[in-house]
Protein backbone atom coordinates (compact mmCIF):
# COMPACT_ATOMS: atom_id res chain seq x y z
CA MET A 1 0.08 -0.17 0.49
CA THR A 2 1.18 3.34 -1.17
CA GLY A 3 2.16 6.10 1.63
CA PRO A 4 2.65 9.57 1.78
CA GLY A 5 6.50 8.76 1.67
CA ALA A 6 9.37 10.67 2.84
CA GLY A 7 8.59 13.88 1.42
CA ALA A 8 4.95 14.60 2.89
CA PRO A 9 3.68 17.20 4.27
CA THR A 10 3.67 17.89 7.92
CA ALA A 11 1.44 21.19 8.75
CA GLY A 12 -2.16 20.81 8.48
CA VAL A 13 -3.63 16.62 8.72
CA GLU A 14 -2.31 14.07 6.07
CA ALA A 15 -5.26 11.94 4.68
CA TRP A 16 -6.34 8.87 3.78
CA LEU A 17 -9.44 7.88 1.46
CA ALA A 18 -9.33 3.92 1.32
CA ASP A 19 -11.44 1.82 -0.48
CA LEU A 20 -11.93 -1.15 1.04
CA ALA A 21 -13.96 -2.94 -1.97
CA ALA A 22 -10.31 -3.13 -4.27
CA ASP A 23 -8.88 -6.29 -4.61
CA ALA A 24 -5.74 -4.95 -3.18
CA GLU A 25 -3.08 -7.55 -2.29
CA ALA A 26 -2.44 -5.25 0.87
CA LEU A 27 -5.94 -5.87 2.18
CA SER A 28 -6.24 -10.02 1.01
CA PRO A 29 -6.78 -12.73 3.57
CA ALA A 30 -2.96 -13.75 3.60
CA HIS A 31 -2.29 -10.23 5.45
CA TYR A 32 -5.13 -11.28 8.52
CA ARG A 33 -2.46 -13.35 10.90
CA LEU A 34 0.43 -11.63 10.13
CA ASP A 35 -0.20 -7.69 9.99
CA LEU A 36 -3.10 -7.96 12.70
CA THR A 37 -3.29 -8.68 16.57
CA GLU A 38 -5.20 -11.82 18.28
CA GLU A 39 -7.39 -9.03 19.95
CA GLU A 40 -8.20 -7.88 16.00
CA ARG A 41 -9.19 -11.15 14.71
CA ARG A 42 -11.44 -12.05 17.66
CA ARG A 43 -12.90 -8.90 17.70
CA ALA A 44 -13.49 -9.95 13.78
CA ALA A 45 -15.12 -13.58 14.44
CA GLY A 46 -17.75 -11.96 17.15
CA TYR A 47 -19.68 -10.64 14.16
CA LEU A 48 -22.83 -11.89 13.27
CA ASN A 49 -22.36 -10.76 9.73
CA GLY A 50 -19.60 -12.50 7.64
CA GLU A 51 -19.61 -9.18 5.04
CA ASP A 52 -19.35 -6.99 8.86
CA ALA A 53 -16.46 -9.07 9.77
CA ARG A 54 -14.24 -8.69 6.51
CA LEU A 55 -15.07 -5.47 6.14
CA PHE A 56 -13.80 -4.59 9.78
CA LEU A 57 -10.56 -6.89 9.06
CA ARG A 58 -9.44 -4.67 5.82
CA SER A 59 -10.64 -1.48 7.25
CA ARG A 60 -8.05 -2.65 9.76
CA LEU A 61 -5.52 -3.75 7.45
CA ALA A 62 -6.01 -0.81 5.55
CA VAL A 63 -5.10 1.63 8.56
CA ARG A 64 -2.13 -0.74 9.91
CA SER A 65 -0.45 -0.43 6.21
CA LEU A 66 -0.81 3.17 6.02
CA LEU A 67 -0.11 4.09 9.69
CA ALA A 68 3.18 1.54 8.62
CA ALA A 69 3.91 3.69 5.39
CA ARG A 70 4.01 6.63 7.45
CA LEU A 71 6.34 5.25 10.27
CA GLY A 72 8.43 2.95 8.73
CA GLU A 73 7.12 0.16 10.47
CA ALA A 74 5.81 -3.16 9.58
CA PRO A 75 2.01 -3.14 9.78
CA GLY A 76 1.72 -6.30 12.52
CA ALA A 77 4.22 -3.96 14.21
CA VAL A 78 2.46 -0.58 15.16
CA ARG A 79 0.62 -0.57 17.88
CA LEU A 80 -2.38 1.20 18.57
CA GLY A 81 -3.52 2.41 21.71
CA ARG A 82 -7.30 3.34 22.95
CA THR A 83 -8.24 5.98 25.67
CA ARG A 84 -11.10 4.52 27.99
CA GLY A 85 -13.42 7.21 25.94
CA GLY A 86 -12.36 4.87 23.20
CA LYS A 87 -10.15 7.52 21.38
CA PRO A 88 -7.21 5.53 18.90
CA TYR A 89 -3.70 6.51 19.68
CA LEU A 90 -0.30 5.52 18.82
CA PRO A 91 1.72 4.71 22.09
CA ASP A 92 5.48 4.42 20.27
CA HIS A 93 4.24 8.28 18.69
CA PRO A 94 2.97 10.63 21.15
CA GLU A 95 3.22 13.25 18.46
CA LEU A 96 1.26 11.89 15.94
CA LYS A 97 -2.66 12.16 16.30
CA VAL A 98 -4.69 9.90 14.54
CA SER A 99 -8.40 9.37 13.61
CA TRP A 100 -10.78 7.23 11.21
CA SER A 101 -14.05 6.80 10.22
CA ARG A 102 -15.55 3.79 8.35
CA SER A 103 -18.59 4.43 5.99
CA GLU A 104 -19.55 0.54 4.77
CA ASP A 105 -16.47 -0.08 2.24
CA LEU A 106 -14.90 3.33 2.81
CA LEU A 107 -12.14 4.72 5.65
CA LEU A 108 -10.98 8.10 6.19
CA LEU A 109 -7.87 8.33 8.09
CA GLY A 110 -6.19 11.04 9.35
CA ILE A 111 -2.79 12.22 11.11
CA SER A 112 -1.94 14.94 12.67
CA GLU A 113 1.58 16.37 14.11
CA GLN A 114 -0.87 19.21 15.52
CA GLY A 115 -3.15 18.92 18.97
CA ALA A 116 -5.71 16.35 18.85
CA LEU A 117 -7.64 15.33 15.50
CA GLY A 118 -11.14 13.82 14.78
CA VAL A 119 -12.06 12.75 11.51
CA ASP A 120 -15.94 11.32 10.57
CA LEU A 121 -16.87 10.31 6.88
CA GLU A 122 -20.44 9.17 5.57
CA ARG A 123 -22.11 8.43 2.43
CA VAL A 124 -24.40 11.31 1.58
CA ARG A 125 -27.88 9.65 0.68
CA LEU A 126 -31.51 10.19 2.31
CA ILE A 127 -32.50 10.01 5.85
CA PRO A 128 -36.23 9.00 7.11
CA ALA A 129 -36.60 12.00 9.33
CA ALA A 130 -33.68 13.59 9.18
CA THR A 131 -34.19 16.68 10.99
CA GLN A 132 -35.91 14.03 13.81
CA VAL A 133 -32.27 12.30 13.92
CA LEU A 134 -30.63 15.33 14.06
CA ALA A 135 -32.70 16.66 16.30
CA SER A 136 -32.11 14.40 18.80
CA VAL A 137 -28.76 14.67 19.27
CA TYR A 138 -28.20 18.38 18.50
CA PRO A 139 -31.64 20.15 19.65
CA ALA A 140 -30.52 23.76 18.80
CA LEU A 141 -31.35 23.31 15.15
CA PRO A 142 -32.38 26.44 12.45
CA PRO A 143 -35.66 26.94 11.13
CA GLN A 144 -34.25 26.19 7.31
CA ALA A 145 -33.51 22.29 8.72
CA GLU A 146 -37.03 20.96 8.13
CA LEU A 147 -36.76 21.84 4.56
CA ALA A 148 -32.67 21.24 4.43
CA GLY A 149 -31.80 18.10 2.20
CA PRO A 150 -28.90 15.33 2.86
CA GLU A 151 -26.30 17.62 2.47
CA PHE A 152 -27.17 19.62 5.46
CA PHE A 153 -27.80 16.21 7.57
CA PHE A 154 -23.87 15.32 6.54
CA SER A 155 -22.21 18.55 7.19
CA ALA A 156 -23.93 18.96 10.71
CA TRP A 157 -23.62 14.82 11.80
CA THR A 158 -20.36 14.59 10.24
CA LEU A 159 -18.83 17.58 12.26
CA LEU A 160 -20.95 16.55 15.64
CA GLU A 161 -19.22 13.08 14.76
CA ALA A 162 -15.19 14.32 14.19
CA ALA A 163 -15.92 16.95 17.50
CA VAL A 164 -16.53 14.37 20.07
CA LYS A 165 -13.94 12.07 18.54
CA ALA A 166 -11.38 15.12 19.10
CA THR A 167 -12.27 14.98 22.33
CA GLY A 168 -12.50 11.25 22.78
CA ARG A 169 -16.13 11.96 24.61
CA GLY A 170 -18.10 10.26 22.19
CA LEU A 171 -21.43 10.95 20.87
CA ALA A 172 -23.55 10.54 24.02
CA GLU A 173 -21.03 12.13 26.41
CA GLY A 174 -19.27 15.24 24.57
CA VAL A 175 -21.99 16.29 22.13
CA GLY A 176 -23.42 18.86 24.19
CA ASP A 177 -20.63 20.73 24.31
CA VAL A 178 -20.26 21.22 20.63
CA THR A 179 -22.14 24.62 19.49
CA LEU A 180 -22.55 24.78 15.42
CA SER A 181 -23.38 27.49 13.17
CA PHE A 182 -25.52 27.61 10.12
CA PRO A 183 -24.35 29.77 7.58
CA ALA A 184 -26.92 31.31 5.61
CA HIS A 185 -24.95 29.73 2.25
CA GLY A 186 -26.00 26.16 3.86
CA GLY A 187 -24.26 23.30 5.57
CA ALA A 188 -22.57 23.95 9.33
CA ALA A 189 -19.88 24.82 10.58
CA LEU A 190 -17.99 24.88 14.24
CA LEU A 191 -18.33 27.49 16.74
CA GLY A 192 -16.54 25.52 19.40
CA ILE A 193 -16.33 23.04 21.78
CA ALA A 194 -16.89 23.36 25.43
CA ARG A 195 -15.12 22.25 28.84
CA THR A 196 -12.01 21.79 26.97
CA GLY A 197 -9.73 24.87 27.35
CA GLY A 198 -6.77 25.47 26.07
CA GLU A 199 -6.64 26.28 21.75
CA PRO A 200 -9.33 26.85 20.11
CA TRP A 201 -11.34 24.50 17.75
CA ALA A 202 -11.42 24.49 13.84
CA ALA A 203 -12.85 22.14 11.84
CA SER A 204 -13.25 21.77 7.77
CA THR A 205 -15.66 20.21 5.81
CA ALA A 206 -15.98 19.10 2.11
CA LEU A 207 -17.98 17.14 -0.25
CA LEU A 208 -15.97 14.19 -1.92
CA ALA A 209 -16.44 11.77 -4.66
CA ALA A 210 -16.29 8.15 -4.19
CA PRO A 211 -13.76 5.98 -5.38
CA ALA A 212 -14.19 4.16 -8.99
CA ALA A 213 -17.59 4.61 -10.60
CA SER A 214 -20.20 4.62 -7.60
CA GLY A 215 -21.11 7.81 -8.12
CA ALA A 216 -21.79 8.28 -4.67
CA ARG A 217 -20.88 11.48 -2.84
CA LEU A 218 -19.14 11.85 0.49
CA MET A 219 -19.04 14.36 3.56
CA ALA A 220 -15.87 14.42 5.09
CA SER A 221 -15.33 16.48 8.26
CA PHE A 222 -11.25 17.07 9.86
CA VAL A 223 -11.83 18.97 14.11
CA THR A 224 -8.60 19.94 15.02
CA ARG A 225 -7.24 21.94 18.05
CA GLY A 226 -5.49 25.11 17.08
CA ARG A 227 -4.95 26.33 13.21
CA LEU A 228 -6.22 23.19 10.95
CA GLY A 229 -4.35 24.54 7.94
CA ARG A 230 -4.76 22.63 4.74
CA VAL A 231 -6.15 18.63 4.50
CA TRP A 232 -3.59 16.83 2.92
CA LEU A 233 -5.96 14.10 0.99
CA ARG A 234 -4.72 11.34 -1.33
CA ARG A 235 -7.03 8.29 -2.14
CA TRP A 236 -6.06 4.33 -2.16
CA PRO A 237 -5.54 2.95 -4.29
CA PRO A 238 -4.28 6.08 -6.76
CA GLU A 239 -7.14 7.08 -9.39
CA GLY A 240 -5.11 9.40 -11.75
CA ALA A 241 -2.97 11.43 -9.39
CA ASP A 242 -1.53 10.38 -6.39
CA ARG A 243 -2.58 13.23 -4.27
CA ASP A 244 -5.54 16.09 -3.91
CA ASP A 245 -4.71 18.90 -1.56
CA ARG A 246 -8.03 20.63 -0.02
CA ASP A 247 -7.39 23.84 1.62
């Protein structure tokens, strides 16, 4: 699996959008025992649905392979830890902040050398009773939310998810600390996160095209401490140009 290489940018967020449905040698079952831990294989065995188990294994292989390329290590040697709240971190590389999100067979991985990081990815689609679903976790919606389409829903939803991943508090515990604004041109923006102190938070939300010929649209959100800077987005497997830089 390709990674950013030695010339990778360090400012902002390095991100990869991985297609887990790709017929990639790096995500093949031959790597399950070599590159995954016993605990990861045990988690996969606990899924009742075989496709869910396969997607978990491939997503974890993608995370390990991309991190390994970034760190110059073997995928199986990358140590992944989780805080009590479930936030992933790299015990051997505390200077790097990591976050990832999976939406069906697509995975978004982010790495930052700045402060805390949270990322979230969703396929843009129609959600039944979308306003009620969003209001159940974020009641302070503007009146126009009732008439808004799925892009509005997922810009707000992915921002909320990325924000609580960045704090490590999770949606149930941390969503009440997140404040959004709703610009007149549509979508949602992050105003702040309470009970965190220190530097202010920054966020970026973007519509992305899904890999291959699916025609799907994706909503991706990134939340960091301090200035976000540039999001350096790569797709895997590469589609034409290896890197698509986004502000």
